[in-house]
N, C-alpha and C. Protein backbone atom coordinates (compact mmCIF):
# COMPACT_ATOMS: atom_id res chain seq x y z
N ALA A 1 47.09 14.25 -8.49
CA ALA A 1 47.43 15.58 -8.05
C ALA A 1 46.31 16.12 -7.17
N GLU A 2 46.67 16.85 -6.17
CA GLU A 2 45.71 17.41 -5.25
C GLU A 2 45.18 18.74 -5.79
N ALA A 3 43.85 18.95 -5.67
CA ALA A 3 43.23 20.18 -6.17
C ALA A 3 43.57 21.36 -5.26
N ALA A 4 43.69 22.51 -5.86
CA ALA A 4 43.98 23.73 -5.10
C ALA A 4 42.76 24.16 -4.31
N VAL A 5 42.99 24.73 -3.14
CA VAL A 5 41.90 25.25 -2.33
C VAL A 5 41.17 26.31 -3.16
N GLY A 6 39.83 26.21 -3.15
CA GLY A 6 39.02 27.14 -3.94
C GLY A 6 38.65 26.59 -5.30
N ALA A 7 39.26 25.49 -5.73
CA ALA A 7 38.92 24.88 -7.01
C ALA A 7 37.53 24.24 -6.91
N ALA A 8 36.82 24.21 -8.02
CA ALA A 8 35.46 23.67 -8.04
C ALA A 8 35.40 22.20 -7.64
N SER A 9 36.50 21.48 -7.78
CA SER A 9 36.50 20.06 -7.46
C SER A 9 36.68 19.78 -5.97
N VAL A 10 37.03 20.78 -5.17
CA VAL A 10 37.25 20.59 -3.74
C VAL A 10 35.90 20.37 -3.05
N LYS A 11 35.83 19.31 -2.23
CA LYS A 11 34.60 18.97 -1.51
C LYS A 11 34.77 19.20 -0.02
N PHE A 12 33.72 19.75 0.62
CA PHE A 12 33.73 19.95 2.07
C PHE A 12 33.61 18.59 2.74
N GLN A 13 34.56 18.24 3.61
CA GLN A 13 34.58 16.93 4.27
C GLN A 13 34.34 17.04 5.77
N GLY A 14 33.97 18.22 6.24
CA GLY A 14 33.76 18.42 7.67
C GLY A 14 32.31 18.23 8.08
N VAL A 15 32.02 18.65 9.31
CA VAL A 15 30.66 18.59 9.85
C VAL A 15 30.20 20.02 10.14
N LEU A 16 29.09 20.41 9.51
CA LEU A 16 28.47 21.70 9.77
C LEU A 16 27.19 21.41 10.53
N ASP A 17 27.20 21.63 11.85
CA ASP A 17 26.05 21.38 12.72
C ASP A 17 25.46 22.73 13.12
N GLY A 18 24.29 23.04 12.59
CA GLY A 18 23.64 24.30 12.87
C GLY A 18 22.96 24.37 14.23
N GLN A 19 22.88 23.25 14.94
CA GLN A 19 22.29 23.16 16.28
C GLN A 19 20.89 23.78 16.32
N GLY A 20 20.15 23.66 15.22
CA GLY A 20 18.77 24.13 15.17
C GLY A 20 18.61 25.59 14.81
N HIS A 21 19.70 26.29 14.56
CA HIS A 21 19.63 27.72 14.23
C HIS A 21 19.16 27.93 12.79
N THR A 22 18.74 29.16 12.50
CA THR A 22 18.31 29.56 11.17
C THR A 22 19.25 30.62 10.62
N ILE A 23 19.69 30.43 9.39
CA ILE A 23 20.45 31.45 8.67
C ILE A 23 19.47 32.09 7.71
N ASP A 24 19.37 33.42 7.74
CA ASP A 24 18.42 34.10 6.86
C ASP A 24 19.14 35.20 6.09
N ASN A 25 18.46 35.68 5.05
CA ASN A 25 18.97 36.76 4.20
C ASN A 25 20.28 36.41 3.50
N ILE A 26 20.45 35.14 3.14
CA ILE A 26 21.62 34.71 2.37
C ILE A 26 21.45 35.20 0.93
N LEU A 27 22.49 35.77 0.39
CA LEU A 27 22.51 36.17 -1.02
C LEU A 27 23.83 35.67 -1.60
N ILE A 28 23.74 34.80 -2.60
CA ILE A 28 24.93 34.29 -3.27
C ILE A 28 24.93 34.88 -4.68
N PRO A 29 25.70 35.95 -4.90
CA PRO A 29 25.65 36.67 -6.19
C PRO A 29 26.60 36.09 -7.24
N ASP A 30 26.45 36.60 -8.43
CA ASP A 30 27.40 36.38 -9.51
C ASP A 30 27.54 34.93 -9.96
N ARG A 31 26.48 34.14 -9.88
CA ARG A 31 26.52 32.77 -10.38
C ARG A 31 26.12 32.72 -11.86
N VAL A 32 25.36 33.73 -12.31
CA VAL A 32 24.85 33.77 -13.68
C VAL A 32 25.35 35.04 -14.36
N THR A 33 25.91 34.87 -15.56
CA THR A 33 26.36 36.01 -16.37
C THR A 33 25.55 36.00 -17.66
N TRP A 34 25.01 37.15 -17.98
CA TRP A 34 24.17 37.27 -19.18
C TRP A 34 24.98 37.81 -20.36
N SER A 35 24.82 37.18 -21.54
CA SER A 35 25.38 37.77 -22.76
C SER A 35 24.34 38.74 -23.35
N LYS A 36 23.07 38.49 -23.05
CA LYS A 36 21.99 39.42 -23.38
C LYS A 36 21.03 39.42 -22.19
N ALA A 37 20.97 40.50 -21.47
CA ALA A 37 20.17 40.58 -20.24
C ALA A 37 18.67 40.48 -20.55
N PRO A 38 17.92 39.85 -19.65
CA PRO A 38 16.47 39.80 -19.84
C PRO A 38 15.84 41.18 -19.60
N THR A 39 14.67 41.38 -20.15
CA THR A 39 13.90 42.59 -19.89
C THR A 39 12.58 42.16 -19.27
N ALA A 40 11.71 43.11 -19.00
CA ALA A 40 10.41 42.79 -18.43
C ALA A 40 9.56 41.94 -19.37
N THR A 41 9.85 41.97 -20.68
CA THR A 41 9.02 41.25 -21.65
C THR A 41 9.77 40.19 -22.47
N THR A 42 11.10 40.10 -22.34
CA THR A 42 11.86 39.12 -23.13
C THR A 42 12.81 38.33 -22.26
N LEU A 43 13.04 37.09 -22.67
CA LEU A 43 14.02 36.25 -21.98
C LEU A 43 15.43 36.69 -22.37
N GLY A 44 16.34 36.57 -21.46
CA GLY A 44 17.73 36.86 -21.75
C GLY A 44 18.47 35.62 -22.20
N THR A 45 19.73 35.80 -22.60
CA THR A 45 20.59 34.69 -23.00
C THR A 45 21.77 34.64 -22.05
N ILE A 46 22.02 33.46 -21.49
CA ILE A 46 23.10 33.27 -20.52
C ILE A 46 24.41 32.98 -21.24
N ASP A 47 25.48 33.60 -20.77
CA ASP A 47 26.82 33.26 -21.22
C ASP A 47 27.25 32.06 -20.37
N THR A 48 27.09 30.86 -20.90
CA THR A 48 27.34 29.64 -20.12
C THR A 48 28.81 29.47 -19.75
N SER A 49 29.72 30.07 -20.51
CA SER A 49 31.15 29.95 -20.20
C SER A 49 31.55 30.81 -19.00
N LYS A 50 30.69 31.76 -18.62
CA LYS A 50 30.99 32.64 -17.49
C LYS A 50 29.99 32.49 -16.35
N SER A 51 29.20 31.40 -16.38
CA SER A 51 28.22 31.13 -15.33
C SER A 51 28.68 29.89 -14.56
N TYR A 52 28.28 29.83 -13.29
CA TYR A 52 28.85 28.81 -12.41
C TYR A 52 27.80 27.90 -11.79
N SER A 53 28.11 26.62 -11.76
CA SER A 53 27.26 25.62 -11.13
C SER A 53 27.80 25.31 -9.73
N TYR A 54 27.22 24.31 -9.10
CA TYR A 54 27.60 23.86 -7.76
C TYR A 54 27.45 24.97 -6.73
N GLY A 55 26.25 25.57 -6.71
CA GLY A 55 25.96 26.62 -5.77
C GLY A 55 25.13 26.12 -4.61
N GLY A 56 25.25 26.81 -3.49
CA GLY A 56 24.50 26.52 -2.28
C GLY A 56 25.31 26.97 -1.08
N LEU A 57 24.79 26.72 0.11
CA LEU A 57 25.55 27.03 1.31
C LEU A 57 26.92 26.34 1.23
N VAL A 58 26.93 25.10 0.73
CA VAL A 58 28.15 24.35 0.42
C VAL A 58 28.05 23.92 -1.03
N GLY A 59 29.06 24.21 -1.84
CA GLY A 59 29.02 23.85 -3.25
C GLY A 59 29.08 22.35 -3.49
N ARG A 60 30.07 21.70 -2.88
CA ARG A 60 30.24 20.24 -3.01
C ARG A 60 30.49 19.66 -1.63
N LEU A 61 29.73 18.62 -1.30
CA LEU A 61 29.86 17.93 -0.01
C LEU A 61 30.45 16.56 -0.26
N GLY A 62 31.61 16.28 0.33
CA GLY A 62 32.30 15.01 0.14
C GLY A 62 31.66 13.86 0.89
N GLU A 63 32.17 12.66 0.68
CA GLU A 63 31.58 11.46 1.27
C GLU A 63 31.63 11.48 2.80
N ASN A 64 32.55 12.21 3.41
CA ASN A 64 32.60 12.32 4.87
C ASN A 64 31.94 13.61 5.36
N GLY A 65 31.44 14.42 4.47
CA GLY A 65 30.84 15.70 4.83
C GLY A 65 29.43 15.54 5.36
N VAL A 66 29.09 16.40 6.34
CA VAL A 66 27.76 16.37 6.96
C VAL A 66 27.27 17.80 7.15
N ILE A 67 26.02 18.05 6.77
CA ILE A 67 25.32 19.29 7.11
C ILE A 67 24.09 18.84 7.87
N LYS A 68 23.91 19.36 9.10
CA LYS A 68 22.77 18.89 9.90
C LYS A 68 22.24 19.99 10.81
N ASN A 69 20.97 19.81 11.21
CA ASN A 69 20.32 20.65 12.21
C ASN A 69 20.39 22.14 11.87
N LEU A 70 20.05 22.47 10.62
CA LEU A 70 20.17 23.85 10.16
C LEU A 70 18.95 24.23 9.34
N ASN A 71 18.53 25.48 9.47
CA ASN A 71 17.41 26.02 8.69
C ASN A 71 17.90 27.20 7.86
N ILE A 72 17.30 27.37 6.68
CA ILE A 72 17.56 28.54 5.85
C ILE A 72 16.25 29.30 5.75
N GLY A 73 16.26 30.59 6.14
CA GLY A 73 15.06 31.41 6.20
C GLY A 73 14.56 31.88 4.85
N ALA A 74 13.27 32.26 4.84
CA ALA A 74 12.59 32.68 3.61
C ALA A 74 13.13 33.98 3.04
N GLY A 75 13.88 34.75 3.82
CA GLY A 75 14.45 36.01 3.33
C GLY A 75 15.67 35.81 2.46
N SER A 76 16.13 34.58 2.32
CA SER A 76 17.31 34.29 1.48
C SER A 76 16.91 34.28 0.01
N LYS A 77 17.89 34.54 -0.86
CA LYS A 77 17.63 34.54 -2.30
C LYS A 77 18.69 33.68 -2.98
N PHE A 78 18.23 32.65 -3.66
CA PHE A 78 19.14 31.75 -4.36
C PHE A 78 18.83 31.79 -5.85
N GLU A 79 19.79 32.25 -6.64
CA GLU A 79 19.67 32.27 -8.09
C GLU A 79 20.96 31.71 -8.66
N PHE A 80 20.84 30.52 -9.27
CA PHE A 80 22.01 29.77 -9.71
C PHE A 80 21.96 29.48 -11.21
N TYR A 81 23.07 28.96 -11.72
CA TYR A 81 23.08 28.48 -13.09
C TYR A 81 22.59 27.02 -13.10
N GLY A 82 23.35 26.09 -12.55
CA GLY A 82 22.94 24.69 -12.54
C GLY A 82 23.56 23.92 -11.39
N THR A 83 23.12 22.68 -11.20
CA THR A 83 23.60 21.77 -10.16
C THR A 83 23.72 22.49 -8.82
N SER A 84 22.58 22.94 -8.32
CA SER A 84 22.57 23.77 -7.12
C SER A 84 21.33 23.53 -6.28
N GLY A 85 21.47 23.81 -4.99
CA GLY A 85 20.35 23.75 -4.05
C GLY A 85 20.63 24.71 -2.90
N ALA A 86 19.65 24.90 -2.04
CA ALA A 86 19.82 25.84 -0.94
C ALA A 86 20.97 25.42 -0.02
N PHE A 87 21.07 24.14 0.30
CA PHE A 87 22.11 23.66 1.21
C PHE A 87 23.37 23.22 0.50
N VAL A 88 23.22 22.48 -0.61
CA VAL A 88 24.40 21.93 -1.28
C VAL A 88 24.14 21.77 -2.78
N GLY A 89 25.19 22.03 -3.57
CA GLY A 89 25.06 21.85 -5.02
C GLY A 89 25.08 20.39 -5.41
N SER A 90 26.11 19.68 -4.98
CA SER A 90 26.28 18.26 -5.31
C SER A 90 26.88 17.57 -4.10
N HIS A 91 26.36 16.37 -3.77
CA HIS A 91 26.93 15.75 -2.58
C HIS A 91 26.97 14.23 -2.59
N ASP A 92 27.99 13.76 -1.86
CA ASP A 92 28.22 12.33 -1.64
C ASP A 92 28.04 12.00 -0.17
N GLY A 93 27.81 12.99 0.66
CA GLY A 93 27.75 12.82 2.11
C GLY A 93 26.34 12.79 2.64
N LEU A 94 26.12 13.45 3.79
CA LEU A 94 24.84 13.41 4.50
C LEU A 94 24.32 14.82 4.76
N VAL A 95 23.05 15.05 4.41
CA VAL A 95 22.33 16.25 4.81
C VAL A 95 21.16 15.75 5.66
N GLU A 96 21.12 16.18 6.92
CA GLU A 96 20.14 15.62 7.86
C GLU A 96 19.51 16.72 8.72
N ASN A 97 18.20 16.59 8.91
CA ASN A 97 17.44 17.49 9.77
C ASN A 97 17.64 18.96 9.38
N CYS A 98 17.49 19.23 8.08
CA CYS A 98 17.63 20.60 7.56
C CYS A 98 16.32 21.04 6.92
N ARG A 99 16.03 22.34 7.03
CA ARG A 99 14.80 22.89 6.48
C ARG A 99 15.11 24.14 5.65
N ASN A 100 14.52 24.17 4.46
CA ASN A 100 14.68 25.33 3.59
C ASN A 100 13.34 26.01 3.39
N TYR A 101 13.31 27.34 3.63
CA TYR A 101 12.11 28.14 3.43
C TYR A 101 12.28 29.15 2.29
N ALA A 102 13.45 29.18 1.68
CA ALA A 102 13.76 30.16 0.63
C ALA A 102 13.44 29.60 -0.76
N ASP A 103 13.11 30.51 -1.68
CA ASP A 103 12.92 30.12 -3.08
C ASP A 103 14.28 29.89 -3.72
N VAL A 104 14.33 28.92 -4.63
CA VAL A 104 15.57 28.60 -5.35
C VAL A 104 15.25 28.60 -6.84
N LYS A 105 16.05 29.36 -7.60
CA LYS A 105 15.89 29.42 -9.05
C LYS A 105 17.20 29.02 -9.71
N GLY A 106 17.10 28.10 -10.68
CA GLY A 106 18.26 27.69 -11.44
C GLY A 106 17.94 27.74 -12.92
N TYR A 107 18.82 28.33 -13.70
CA TYR A 107 18.55 28.52 -15.13
C TYR A 107 18.82 27.27 -15.95
N SER A 108 19.64 26.36 -15.45
CA SER A 108 19.93 25.12 -16.17
C SER A 108 19.30 23.96 -15.40
N CYS A 109 19.97 22.82 -15.30
CA CYS A 109 19.37 21.62 -14.71
C CYS A 109 19.96 21.27 -13.34
N TRP A 110 19.31 20.33 -12.68
CA TRP A 110 19.67 19.78 -11.36
C TRP A 110 19.57 20.86 -10.28
N ILE A 111 18.33 21.26 -10.02
CA ILE A 111 18.03 22.30 -9.05
C ILE A 111 17.10 21.72 -7.98
N GLY A 112 17.48 21.86 -6.69
CA GLY A 112 16.66 21.30 -5.62
C GLY A 112 16.53 22.22 -4.42
N GLY A 113 15.50 21.98 -3.62
CA GLY A 113 15.30 22.75 -2.41
C GLY A 113 16.35 22.49 -1.36
N ILE A 114 16.84 21.27 -1.29
CA ILE A 114 17.90 20.90 -0.36
C ILE A 114 19.22 20.73 -1.13
N SER A 115 19.22 19.88 -2.15
CA SER A 115 20.43 19.58 -2.92
C SER A 115 20.13 19.55 -4.42
N GLY A 116 21.07 20.04 -5.21
CA GLY A 116 20.91 19.95 -6.66
C GLY A 116 21.10 18.53 -7.15
N MET A 117 22.14 17.85 -6.66
CA MET A 117 22.45 16.50 -7.12
C MET A 117 22.93 15.64 -5.95
N VAL A 118 22.21 14.54 -5.70
CA VAL A 118 22.63 13.56 -4.70
C VAL A 118 23.32 12.43 -5.45
N ASN A 119 24.61 12.28 -5.23
CA ASN A 119 25.37 11.24 -5.91
C ASN A 119 25.21 9.90 -5.21
N LYS A 120 25.61 8.82 -5.86
CA LYS A 120 25.54 7.49 -5.27
C LYS A 120 26.31 7.53 -3.95
N GLY A 121 25.68 7.09 -2.89
CA GLY A 121 26.28 7.15 -1.56
C GLY A 121 25.82 8.35 -0.76
N GLY A 122 25.29 9.36 -1.43
CA GLY A 122 24.78 10.55 -0.75
C GLY A 122 23.42 10.28 -0.12
N ARG A 123 23.14 10.99 1.00
CA ARG A 123 21.88 10.78 1.72
C ARG A 123 21.29 12.12 2.16
N ILE A 124 19.97 12.19 2.05
CA ILE A 124 19.21 13.30 2.62
C ILE A 124 18.17 12.67 3.53
N ILE A 125 18.22 12.99 4.83
CA ILE A 125 17.35 12.35 5.81
C ILE A 125 16.69 13.42 6.68
N ASN A 126 15.38 13.27 6.92
CA ASN A 126 14.61 14.15 7.81
C ASN A 126 14.71 15.62 7.40
N CYS A 127 14.56 15.90 6.12
CA CYS A 127 14.64 17.28 5.64
C CYS A 127 13.30 17.75 5.09
N TYR A 128 13.15 19.08 5.02
CA TYR A 128 11.89 19.69 4.62
C TYR A 128 12.17 20.89 3.74
N ASN A 129 11.37 21.04 2.69
CA ASN A 129 11.46 22.22 1.83
C ASN A 129 10.10 22.89 1.72
N ALA A 130 10.06 24.21 1.96
CA ALA A 130 8.86 25.00 1.77
C ALA A 130 9.04 26.06 0.68
N GLY A 131 10.25 26.21 0.17
CA GLY A 131 10.52 27.21 -0.86
C GLY A 131 10.01 26.77 -2.21
N ASN A 132 9.73 27.74 -3.08
CA ASN A 132 9.35 27.44 -4.46
C ASN A 132 10.63 27.21 -5.26
N ILE A 133 10.70 26.07 -5.96
CA ILE A 133 11.91 25.66 -6.66
C ILE A 133 11.64 25.66 -8.16
N THR A 134 12.46 26.41 -8.91
CA THR A 134 12.23 26.59 -10.34
C THR A 134 13.49 26.31 -11.14
N SER A 135 13.33 25.55 -12.22
CA SER A 135 14.42 25.29 -13.16
C SER A 135 14.02 25.81 -14.53
N GLY A 136 14.99 26.34 -15.25
CA GLY A 136 14.74 26.78 -16.61
C GLY A 136 15.02 25.71 -17.64
N TYR A 137 15.37 24.50 -17.19
CA TYR A 137 15.71 23.44 -18.12
C TYR A 137 15.11 22.11 -17.66
N ALA A 138 15.79 21.39 -16.75
CA ALA A 138 15.31 20.05 -16.40
C ALA A 138 15.79 19.64 -15.02
N ASN A 139 15.19 18.55 -14.52
CA ASN A 139 15.55 17.94 -13.25
C ASN A 139 15.49 18.93 -12.10
N VAL A 140 14.27 19.19 -11.66
CA VAL A 140 14.02 20.09 -10.54
C VAL A 140 13.12 19.36 -9.54
N GLY A 141 13.48 19.47 -8.25
CA GLY A 141 12.68 18.79 -7.23
C GLY A 141 12.68 19.55 -5.92
N GLY A 142 11.66 19.29 -5.12
CA GLY A 142 11.53 19.96 -3.83
C GLY A 142 12.66 19.62 -2.87
N ILE A 143 13.12 18.39 -2.91
CA ILE A 143 14.24 17.98 -2.06
C ILE A 143 15.53 17.95 -2.89
N ALA A 144 15.53 17.25 -4.02
CA ALA A 144 16.73 17.15 -4.87
C ALA A 144 16.36 17.30 -6.34
N GLY A 145 17.24 17.97 -7.09
CA GLY A 145 17.04 18.06 -8.53
C GLY A 145 17.14 16.70 -9.18
N VAL A 146 18.12 15.93 -8.77
CA VAL A 146 18.29 14.55 -9.21
C VAL A 146 18.94 13.77 -8.08
N SER A 147 18.55 12.50 -7.92
CA SER A 147 19.12 11.69 -6.85
C SER A 147 19.54 10.33 -7.37
N ASN A 148 20.76 9.97 -7.06
CA ASN A 148 21.27 8.62 -7.30
C ASN A 148 21.62 7.97 -5.97
N GLY A 149 21.14 8.58 -4.87
CA GLY A 149 21.43 8.11 -3.53
C GLY A 149 20.15 7.80 -2.77
N ILE A 150 20.07 8.25 -1.51
CA ILE A 150 18.94 7.95 -0.64
C ILE A 150 18.30 9.24 -0.16
N ILE A 151 16.98 9.32 -0.28
CA ILE A 151 16.18 10.40 0.31
C ILE A 151 15.16 9.72 1.20
N GLU A 152 15.18 10.06 2.50
CA GLU A 152 14.35 9.35 3.47
C GLU A 152 13.72 10.33 4.46
N ASN A 153 12.45 10.10 4.79
CA ASN A 153 11.70 10.90 5.78
C ASN A 153 11.75 12.39 5.45
N CYS A 154 11.48 12.73 4.19
CA CYS A 154 11.52 14.12 3.75
C CYS A 154 10.15 14.56 3.25
N ALA A 155 9.91 15.88 3.31
CA ALA A 155 8.65 16.43 2.84
C ALA A 155 8.89 17.72 2.06
N ASN A 156 8.01 17.96 1.10
CA ASN A 156 8.04 19.19 0.31
C ASN A 156 6.65 19.81 0.30
N THR A 157 6.59 21.12 0.58
CA THR A 157 5.33 21.87 0.43
C THR A 157 5.47 23.01 -0.57
N GLY A 158 6.66 23.19 -1.15
CA GLY A 158 6.89 24.26 -2.11
C GLY A 158 6.39 23.89 -3.49
N ASP A 159 6.13 24.91 -4.31
CA ASP A 159 5.75 24.70 -5.70
C ASP A 159 7.01 24.39 -6.51
N ILE A 160 6.90 23.42 -7.41
CA ILE A 160 8.03 22.97 -8.24
C ILE A 160 7.68 23.25 -9.70
N ALA A 161 8.61 23.88 -10.44
CA ALA A 161 8.30 24.21 -11.83
C ALA A 161 9.53 24.13 -12.72
N ALA A 162 9.31 23.66 -13.94
CA ALA A 162 10.30 23.76 -15.02
C ALA A 162 9.66 24.69 -16.03
N THR A 163 10.23 25.88 -16.17
CA THR A 163 9.62 26.92 -17.01
C THR A 163 10.71 27.71 -17.73
N ALA A 164 10.36 28.35 -18.82
CA ALA A 164 11.35 29.11 -19.60
C ALA A 164 11.87 30.29 -18.78
N LEU A 165 13.18 30.32 -18.55
CA LEU A 165 13.83 31.40 -17.81
C LEU A 165 14.88 32.13 -18.65
N CYS A 166 15.34 31.48 -19.74
CA CYS A 166 16.34 32.08 -20.62
C CYS A 166 16.20 31.45 -22.00
N THR A 167 16.79 32.09 -23.01
CA THR A 167 16.67 31.57 -24.38
C THR A 167 17.48 30.29 -24.59
N ASN A 168 18.51 30.06 -23.75
CA ASN A 168 19.38 28.90 -23.93
C ASN A 168 18.61 27.58 -23.91
N TYR A 169 17.58 27.49 -23.06
CA TYR A 169 16.86 26.22 -22.88
C TYR A 169 15.35 26.41 -23.03
N SER A 170 14.91 27.39 -23.78
CA SER A 170 13.49 27.75 -23.80
C SER A 170 12.58 26.66 -24.37
N ASN A 171 13.12 25.71 -25.12
CA ASN A 171 12.29 24.63 -25.67
C ASN A 171 12.65 23.27 -25.12
N GLN A 172 13.28 23.20 -23.95
CA GLN A 172 13.80 21.92 -23.46
C GLN A 172 13.40 21.61 -22.02
N ARG A 173 12.26 22.09 -21.52
CA ARG A 173 11.89 21.90 -20.13
C ARG A 173 11.32 20.50 -19.90
N GLN A 174 11.80 19.83 -18.83
CA GLN A 174 11.33 18.48 -18.54
C GLN A 174 11.76 18.04 -17.14
N ARG A 175 11.16 16.99 -16.64
CA ARG A 175 11.49 16.30 -15.39
C ARG A 175 11.43 17.18 -14.14
N ALA A 176 10.22 17.39 -13.65
CA ALA A 176 10.01 18.10 -12.39
C ALA A 176 9.30 17.15 -11.43
N GLY A 177 9.71 17.15 -10.15
CA GLY A 177 9.09 16.27 -9.17
C GLY A 177 9.02 16.91 -7.81
N GLY A 178 8.02 16.53 -7.03
CA GLY A 178 7.85 17.08 -5.70
C GLY A 178 9.01 16.75 -4.78
N ILE A 179 9.53 15.55 -4.86
CA ILE A 179 10.67 15.14 -4.02
C ILE A 179 11.96 15.20 -4.85
N SER A 180 12.01 14.48 -5.97
CA SER A 180 13.19 14.47 -6.82
C SER A 180 12.78 14.62 -8.29
N GLY A 181 13.58 15.37 -9.04
CA GLY A 181 13.30 15.56 -10.45
C GLY A 181 13.82 14.45 -11.33
N GLY A 182 14.32 13.39 -10.75
CA GLY A 182 14.81 12.25 -11.51
C GLY A 182 15.87 11.51 -10.71
N GLY A 183 16.31 10.39 -11.25
CA GLY A 183 17.33 9.63 -10.58
C GLY A 183 17.53 8.28 -11.23
N ASN A 184 18.58 7.62 -10.81
CA ASN A 184 18.92 6.31 -11.35
C ASN A 184 19.42 5.45 -10.20
N GLY A 185 18.70 4.41 -9.88
CA GLY A 185 19.10 3.51 -8.81
C GLY A 185 19.02 4.15 -7.43
N HIS A 186 18.11 5.10 -7.27
CA HIS A 186 18.02 5.79 -5.98
C HIS A 186 16.91 5.19 -5.13
N THR A 187 16.90 5.57 -3.83
CA THR A 187 15.90 5.11 -2.90
C THR A 187 15.14 6.32 -2.34
N LEU A 188 13.82 6.29 -2.45
CA LEU A 188 12.95 7.25 -1.80
C LEU A 188 12.14 6.48 -0.78
N LYS A 189 12.20 6.88 0.51
CA LYS A 189 11.54 6.13 1.57
C LYS A 189 10.84 7.10 2.53
N ASN A 190 9.56 6.86 2.79
CA ASN A 190 8.77 7.65 3.74
C ASN A 190 8.82 9.14 3.41
N CYS A 191 8.61 9.49 2.15
CA CYS A 191 8.63 10.89 1.73
C CYS A 191 7.22 11.30 1.31
N VAL A 192 6.93 12.60 1.45
CA VAL A 192 5.61 13.10 1.04
C VAL A 192 5.77 14.46 0.37
N ASN A 193 4.99 14.64 -0.70
CA ASN A 193 4.95 15.92 -1.41
C ASN A 193 3.53 16.47 -1.30
N TYR A 194 3.43 17.72 -0.81
CA TYR A 194 2.13 18.37 -0.71
C TYR A 194 1.88 19.29 -1.88
């Protein structure tokens, strides 16, 4: 059966060519719903049944999908639940020649400066992250939260952290990396983390 347009399983299969332009001041709201809101001194509790993963400029990028030649400015604000990145939440396609300058925060796992999750067959080539990337649980990286594909000729200068952001995962922080926060059978080639 074919998925309905707007369903979480629908993947972008087109080509998004930014031609070197920068998109700034992006705000993607309403990805996280609190059952108990945080205060200045206490962590909040997330209602996981009402929070959404696969966030980014594109939520899911299909095997024929391409995002290239695009920058995201530092004035953007990304706050996600899980499986999210500035450009794409989860992908099987190609992200090439893209730069992220915005901070990305994810309360759960698989959070990246470029992509939250690179699936087998997915590729990130010639990309750069300068934003600070933070996960409240696990698998956080400057380029990808987790990669099972290829990351090549990429660099990260942003700070990467797995730190307590909510009560749901306050004792489970792990797997942070400058390029990728983890992976299985993936390839990292000519990458540098500052």
